[in-house]
Amino acid sequence: MAMLAQLVDGVVTYKFDLDKPSMAVGRLPDNDIIIDDASVSSKHAVIERIPNEDFPEEVEYFITDLGSTNGTEVNGQRIDQATKLKNNDEVKIAWNKFKFLDSNTVDMASTVHILK
């Protein structure tokens, strides 16, 4: 199962299992992933688990910023649309750092290219 590991000074302080098809990220308690930090918007981002169109038994994870004040970054790039997450990607939600971990990550784009 994939997870989002919160990092403080490079050390994992908390792990959030990505165990639902869609998980809201934000500061308020009605989010699936709650980040208690004023720099995080009340509804900051969403992480979605979507079956791969060529291999439906495989799932891919995408993060989308929901128009937050302080933004969302993946590997140092601010995102403005749904962005696919890969194992070991660094995710920054406002000023909070996370590592996306998915031991089942398969490079489906390469596999599809080979099959076609």
Protein backbone atom coordinates (compact mmCIF):
# COMPACT_ATOMS: atom_id res chain seq x y z
CA MET A 1 0.00 0.00 0.00
CA ALA A 2 1.20 3.49 -0.80
CA MET A 3 1.77 6.09 1.89
CA LEU A 4 2.74 9.67 2.42
CA ALA A 5 5.52 9.96 5.01
CA GLN A 6 5.88 13.33 6.72
CA LEU A 7 9.48 14.47 7.10
CA VAL A 8 10.95 16.83 9.68
CA ASP A 9 14.67 17.50 9.21
CA GLY A 10 14.81 14.46 6.93
CA VAL A 11 13.32 12.11 9.53
CA VAL A 12 9.93 10.42 9.11
CA THR A 13 7.65 11.70 11.87
CA TYR A 14 4.30 10.35 10.67
CA LYS A 15 2.93 8.06 7.96
CA PHE A 16 -0.42 8.44 6.22
CA ASP A 17 -1.70 5.30 4.47
CA LEU A 18 -3.31 6.13 1.12
CA ASP A 19 -6.05 3.56 1.59
CA LYS A 20 -9.04 5.32 -0.05
CA PRO A 21 -9.73 6.08 -3.71
CA SER A 22 -9.62 9.80 -2.91
CA MET A 23 -8.02 11.47 0.12
CA ALA A 24 -8.43 15.14 0.98
CA VAL A 25 -5.41 16.93 2.44
CA GLY A 26 -5.74 20.07 4.52
CA ARG A 27 -5.77 21.84 7.85
CA LEU A 28 -9.38 21.18 8.92
CA PRO A 29 -10.45 18.01 10.77
CA ASP A 30 -12.81 16.88 7.99
CA ASN A 31 -9.81 16.05 5.74
CA ASP A 32 -8.46 12.50 5.45
CA ILE A 33 -4.91 13.78 5.95
CA ILE A 34 -4.86 16.57 8.51
CA ILE A 35 -1.83 18.86 8.66
CA ASP A 36 -2.04 21.10 11.71
CA ASP A 37 -0.15 24.07 10.28
CA ALA A 38 -1.45 27.57 9.53
CA SER A 39 0.44 27.60 6.19
CA VAL A 40 -1.75 24.71 4.97
CA SER A 41 -5.09 25.68 3.44
CA SER A 42 -8.29 24.28 4.93
CA LYS A 43 -8.80 22.20 1.75
CA HIS A 44 -5.29 22.14 0.30
CA ALA A 45 -4.98 19.16 -2.06
CA VAL A 46 -6.40 15.79 -2.98
CA ILE A 47 -4.60 12.50 -3.64
CA GLU A 48 -6.44 10.07 -5.89
CA ARG A 49 -5.85 6.38 -6.54
CA ILE A 50 -6.77 5.63 -10.16
CA PRO A 51 -6.56 2.29 -12.01
CA ASN A 52 -4.13 2.34 -14.93
CA GLU A 53 -6.08 2.48 -18.21
CA ASP A 54 -3.97 -0.26 -19.83
CA PHE A 55 -3.53 -2.46 -16.74
CA PRO A 56 -6.61 -1.93 -14.51
CA GLU A 57 -5.21 -4.23 -11.82
CA GLU A 58 -2.42 -1.66 -11.27
CA VAL A 59 -3.18 1.65 -9.58
CA GLU A 60 -1.51 5.01 -9.97
CA TYR A 61 -1.58 7.94 -7.58
CA PHE A 62 -2.17 11.56 -8.57
CA ILE A 63 -2.04 14.71 -6.45
CA THR A 64 -3.97 17.87 -7.31
CA ASP A 65 -3.65 21.24 -5.60
CA LEU A 66 -7.08 22.70 -4.80
CA GLY A 67 -6.15 26.36 -5.30
CA SER A 68 -4.29 26.57 -2.00
CA THR A 69 -2.62 29.78 -0.84
CA ASN A 70 0.89 28.33 -0.38
CA GLY A 71 0.81 25.71 -3.12
CA THR A 72 1.80 22.09 -3.59
CA GLU A 73 5.09 20.91 -5.09
CA VAL A 74 6.29 17.59 -6.43
CA ASN A 75 10.08 17.23 -6.62
CA GLY A 76 10.54 20.99 -6.30
CA GLN A 77 8.04 21.91 -9.05
CA ARG A 78 4.86 23.74 -8.11
CA ILE A 79 1.88 21.91 -9.59
CA ASP A 80 -1.27 23.39 -11.11
CA GLN A 81 -2.89 20.21 -12.41
CA ALA A 82 -3.18 16.55 -11.45
CA THR A 83 0.37 15.20 -11.16
CA LYS A 84 1.31 11.53 -11.08
CA LEU A 85 3.28 10.42 -8.04
CA LYS A 86 6.11 7.89 -8.26
CA ASN A 87 7.91 6.03 -5.49
CA ASN A 88 10.26 8.34 -3.53
CA ASP A 89 8.80 11.57 -4.94
CA GLU A 90 9.18 14.53 -2.60
CA VAL A 91 5.87 16.28 -2.00
CA LYS A 92 5.69 19.69 -0.38
CA ILE A 93 2.35 20.89 0.96
CA ALA A 94 2.79 24.56 1.89
CA TRP A 95 6.00 24.36 3.98
CA ASN A 96 5.56 20.71 5.01
CA LYS A 97 7.71 18.03 3.37
CA PHE A 98 6.59 14.50 2.61
CA LYS A 99 7.93 11.47 0.76
CA PHE A 100 5.54 9.43 -1.39
CA LEU A 101 6.30 5.75 -0.86
CA ASP A 102 4.83 2.95 -2.95
CA SER A 103 6.63 -0.38 -2.99
CA ASN A 104 4.30 -1.56 -5.78
CA THR A 105 5.26 1.19 -8.21
CA VAL A 106 5.69 -0.11 -11.73
CA ASP A 107 6.68 2.10 -14.67
CA MET A 108 3.52 1.44 -16.65
CA ALA A 109 4.43 3.99 -19.36
CA SER A 110 7.50 1.97 -20.30
CA THR A 111 5.56 -1.29 -20.23
CA VAL A 112 2.80 0.06 -22.46
CA HIS A 113 5.39 1.40 -24.91
CA ILE A 114 6.98 -2.06 -25.16
CA LEU A 115 3.60 -3.76 -25.69
CA LYS A 116 2.40 -1.38 -28.40
